[in-house]
Amino acid sequence: MGLHAFVHEHLPAAPARVLDVGCGRGDLARAMARAGHRVVAIDPDAPDGDLFRTTTLEEFADPDPFDAVVANLALHHVADLADAVDRIAALLRSRGRLIVNEHAVDRLDEPTARWYLDKRAQVRPDTSQSLQRCLREWSDDHADLHGYGAMRRELDRRFTEHLFTWTPYLYGELGGVATEAEEQALIDAGAIRAMTFRYVGERPAKEPT
């Protein structure tokens, strides 16, 4: 299932009020708006338009709660993960939904890296690389990013899980020599690790005071 379909499947009924965190070029935000949702999309490099705000999650404020927050590849690189998840929870109404698509950068192991390198060599044989060098460079390049375990702990601390699934990632980096279905089959067989996860959580109802 594509990202847009996944998000739309788990959004509340339109016209829900939706915050898109880390909206990038704004394709998903525009699609949600076309579906009838009232969208606010934030990113330090947000495009122009009525939907968009050029700001960070840390700086964003809104007086009215959101029915849903969508975070697509946004959590793994925030400076303070715990604060970011707290801010998302505070922006949601009671029982509001958090819809996450995230990259689990800490899950590249030897079998997964070996499969990736073998496939990549079919596209770019001039870029051959040893397995250990690939793992070392991957670790160095992603050392300052939050891994799956850290993200999952913070999500579980503030939200009740409704859905969790692992999804393929590396096929998109391989120039067409691998398909999503091929990577998914290897993940399902336990031959390689998934590098992306999808999560839907609900902010618990506020306890009466």
Protein backbone atom coordinates (compact mmCIF):
# COMPACT_ATOMS: atom_id res chain seq x y z
CA MET A 1 0.00 0.00 0.00
CA GLY A 2 1.34 3.42 -0.94
CA LEU A 3 1.89 6.14 1.61
CA HIS A 4 -1.06 8.26 0.51
CA ALA A 5 -3.44 5.30 0.63
CA PHE A 6 -2.17 4.30 4.08
CA VAL A 7 -2.65 7.80 5.47
CA HIS A 8 -6.11 8.26 3.96
CA GLU A 9 -7.24 4.86 5.26
CA HIS A 10 -6.46 5.87 8.84
CA LEU A 11 -7.52 9.52 8.89
CA PRO A 12 -10.77 10.37 10.66
CA ALA A 13 -13.72 11.15 8.40
CA ALA A 14 -13.51 14.44 6.52
CA PRO A 15 -13.53 17.27 7.28
CA ALA A 16 -11.02 16.35 9.99
CA ARG A 17 -8.50 18.93 11.15
CA VAL A 18 -5.08 17.49 10.26
CA LEU A 19 -1.53 18.61 11.02
CA ASP A 20 1.14 17.39 8.59
CA VAL A 21 4.53 17.48 10.36
CA GLY A 22 7.55 17.67 8.08
CA CYS A 23 5.45 18.13 4.95
CA GLY A 24 8.37 18.52 2.53
CA ARG A 25 7.13 19.48 -0.93
CA GLY A 26 3.55 19.26 0.27
CA ASP A 27 2.20 16.48 -1.97
CA LEU A 28 0.55 14.58 0.89
CA ALA A 29 -0.85 17.76 2.45
CA ARG A 30 -2.46 18.77 -0.85
CA ALA A 31 -3.92 15.27 -1.30
CA MET A 32 -5.48 15.39 2.17
CA ALA A 33 -6.92 18.82 1.45
CA ARG A 34 -8.42 17.57 -1.83
CA ALA A 35 -10.10 14.79 0.16
CA GLY A 36 -11.89 17.43 2.21
CA HIS A 37 -9.70 17.69 5.28
CA ARG A 38 -8.70 20.98 6.91
CA VAL A 39 -4.93 20.74 6.67
CA VAL A 40 -2.11 22.69 8.27
CA ALA A 41 1.29 21.55 6.99
CA ILE A 42 4.58 22.58 8.62
CA ASP A 43 8.20 22.29 7.55
CA PRO A 44 11.26 24.53 7.82
CA ASP A 45 11.30 24.50 4.00
CA ALA A 46 7.54 24.42 3.41
CA PRO A 47 6.32 25.52 -0.04
CA ASP A 48 4.16 28.57 -0.61
CA GLY A 49 0.40 28.25 -0.22
CA ASP A 50 -2.46 28.61 2.22
CA LEU A 51 -1.94 25.14 3.69
CA PHE A 52 1.67 25.68 4.62
CA ARG A 53 3.62 27.19 7.51
CA THR A 54 7.39 27.67 7.34
CA THR A 55 8.22 26.55 10.86
CA THR A 56 9.42 23.64 12.95
CA LEU A 57 7.39 21.44 15.26
CA GLU A 58 9.28 22.97 18.20
CA GLU A 59 8.15 26.48 17.22
CA PHE A 60 4.64 25.68 15.97
CA ALA A 61 1.62 26.59 18.08
CA ASP A 62 -2.10 26.55 17.38
CA PRO A 63 -4.97 27.39 19.74
CA ASP A 64 -7.30 24.69 18.37
CA PRO A 65 -6.69 20.95 18.70
CA PHE A 66 -6.19 18.67 15.71
CA ASP A 67 -8.14 15.50 15.00
CA ALA A 68 -5.04 13.85 13.53
CA VAL A 69 -1.32 14.42 13.11
CA VAL A 70 0.61 12.87 10.24
CA ALA A 71 4.38 12.49 10.69
CA ASN A 72 6.12 11.21 7.57
CA LEU A 73 9.87 10.64 8.04
CA ALA A 74 9.88 13.43 10.61
CA LEU A 75 10.64 11.87 13.98
CA HIS A 76 13.97 10.17 13.34
CA HIS A 77 15.85 13.46 12.91
CA VAL A 78 14.23 15.83 15.43
CA ALA A 79 16.68 17.17 18.00
CA ASP A 80 14.65 16.21 21.09
CA LEU A 81 12.52 13.16 20.37
CA ALA A 82 10.71 13.07 23.71
CA ASP A 83 9.78 16.74 23.43
CA ALA A 84 8.59 16.27 19.83
CA VAL A 85 6.25 13.43 20.79
CA ASP A 86 4.99 15.43 23.78
CA ARG A 87 4.25 18.39 21.50
CA ILE A 88 2.37 16.20 19.03
CA ALA A 89 0.26 14.77 21.85
CA ALA A 90 -0.47 18.27 23.15
CA LEU A 91 -1.64 19.39 19.69
CA LEU A 92 -4.13 16.51 19.41
CA ARG A 93 -7.61 16.42 20.84
CA SER A 94 -8.50 13.64 23.25
CA ARG A 95 -8.55 10.37 21.27
CA GLY A 96 -6.92 12.12 18.31
CA ARG A 97 -4.85 9.98 15.95
CA LEU A 98 -1.14 9.99 15.19
CA ILE A 99 -0.24 8.44 11.82
CA VAL A 100 3.46 7.70 11.36
CA ASN A 101 5.61 6.55 8.44
CA GLU A 102 9.22 6.24 9.61
CA HIS A 103 12.66 5.07 8.58
CA ALA A 104 14.30 2.65 11.04
CA VAL A 105 17.92 3.53 10.35
CA ASP A 106 19.35 1.24 13.03
CA ARG A 107 18.05 -2.01 11.51
CA LEU A 108 20.58 -2.51 8.72
CA ASP A 109 22.25 -5.84 9.54
CA GLU A 110 24.65 -8.00 7.52
CA PRO A 111 22.05 -10.05 5.56
CA THR A 112 20.11 -6.92 4.66
CA ALA A 113 23.22 -5.02 3.64
CA ARG A 114 24.48 -7.98 1.59
CA TRP A 115 21.20 -8.18 -0.34
CA TYR A 116 21.27 -4.44 -0.93
CA LEU A 117 24.89 -4.49 -2.15
CA ASP A 118 24.28 -7.46 -4.47
CA LYS A 119 21.29 -5.68 -6.03
CA ARG A 120 23.10 -2.35 -6.28
CA ALA A 121 25.99 -3.97 -8.12
CA GLN A 122 23.55 -4.89 -10.90
CA VAL A 123 22.85 -1.18 -11.43
CA ARG A 124 26.22 0.36 -10.64
CA PRO A 125 28.96 -2.27 -10.86
CA ASP A 126 31.58 0.48 -10.66
CA THR A 127 30.49 1.25 -7.08
CA SER A 128 31.26 -2.13 -5.54
CA GLN A 129 31.76 -1.96 -1.80
CA SER A 130 32.66 -4.43 0.91
CA LEU A 131 29.98 -5.51 3.35
CA GLN A 132 31.86 -4.21 6.38
CA ARG A 133 32.56 -0.87 4.74
CA CYS A 134 28.87 -0.52 3.85
CA LEU A 135 27.81 -1.20 7.43
CA ARG A 136 30.45 1.14 8.84
CA GLU A 137 29.56 4.00 6.50
CA TRP A 138 25.84 3.50 7.11
CA SER A 139 26.40 3.65 10.88
CA ASP A 140 28.55 6.77 10.59
CA ASP A 141 26.11 8.53 8.25
CA HIS A 142 23.15 7.89 10.55
CA ALA A 143 24.84 8.21 13.95
CA ASP A 144 22.95 11.39 14.89
CA LEU A 145 19.50 10.04 14.01
CA HIS A 146 16.98 8.34 16.31
CA GLY A 147 16.59 4.60 15.81
CA TYR A 148 13.50 2.45 15.91
CA GLY A 149 13.82 1.55 19.58
CA ALA A 150 13.95 5.16 20.72
CA MET A 151 11.01 6.18 18.54
CA ARG A 152 8.93 3.23 19.64
CA ARG A 153 9.55 3.93 23.33
CA GLU A 154 8.37 7.52 22.97
CA LEU A 155 5.31 6.56 20.95
CA ASP A 156 4.33 3.92 23.51
CA ARG A 157 4.78 6.43 26.31
CA ARG A 158 2.16 8.84 24.93
CA PHE A 159 -0.12 6.84 22.60
CA THR A 160 -2.19 3.67 22.45
CA GLU A 161 -1.22 1.57 19.44
CA HIS A 162 -3.94 0.80 16.89
CA LEU A 163 -1.73 -0.47 14.06
CA PHE A 164 1.91 -1.34 13.49
CA THR A 165 3.54 -2.84 10.42
CA TRP A 166 6.99 -3.16 8.85
CA THR A 167 7.31 -2.12 5.20
CA PRO A 168 10.03 -2.29 2.51
CA TYR A 169 12.40 0.62 1.91
CA LEU A 170 15.57 -0.40 0.10
CA TYR A 171 13.91 -1.31 -3.23
CA GLY A 172 13.32 2.40 -3.80
CA GLU A 173 17.07 3.01 -3.65
CA LEU A 174 17.93 0.32 -6.19
CA GLY A 175 17.00 1.81 -9.54
CA GLY A 176 14.37 -0.75 -10.48
CA VAL A 177 16.40 -3.96 -10.01
CA ALA A 178 14.28 -4.93 -6.99
CA THR A 179 10.56 -4.60 -6.44
CA GLU A 180 8.59 -3.79 -3.33
CA ALA A 181 7.00 -7.24 -3.51
CA GLU A 182 10.41 -8.94 -3.71
CA GLU A 183 11.71 -7.06 -0.68
CA GLN A 184 8.48 -7.72 1.24
CA ALA A 185 8.74 -11.45 0.54
CA LEU A 186 12.28 -11.53 1.92
CA ILE A 187 11.17 -9.58 4.99
CA ASP A 188 8.26 -11.98 5.55
CA ALA A 189 10.64 -14.94 5.25
CA GLY A 190 13.02 -13.43 7.80
CA ALA A 191 15.86 -13.25 5.27
CA ILE A 192 16.34 -9.48 5.58
CA ARG A 193 15.08 -6.75 7.88
CA ALA A 194 12.48 -4.14 7.08
CA MET A 195 13.82 -0.60 7.26
CA THR A 196 10.53 1.32 7.46
CA PHE A 197 7.59 1.07 9.82
CA ARG A 198 4.07 2.42 9.88
CA TYR A 199 2.23 3.16 13.09
CA VAL A 200 -1.19 4.47 14.04
CA GLY A 201 -1.78 5.51 17.63
CA GLU A 202 -4.44 7.27 19.63
CA ARG A 203 -3.99 9.88 22.29
CA PRO A 204 -5.72 8.49 25.39
CA ALA A 205 -8.75 10.31 26.71
CA LYS A 206 -7.96 12.81 29.40
CA GLU A 207 -8.70 11.57 32.87
CA PRO A 208 -11.30 13.63 34.74
CA THR A 209 -9.86 15.97 37.33
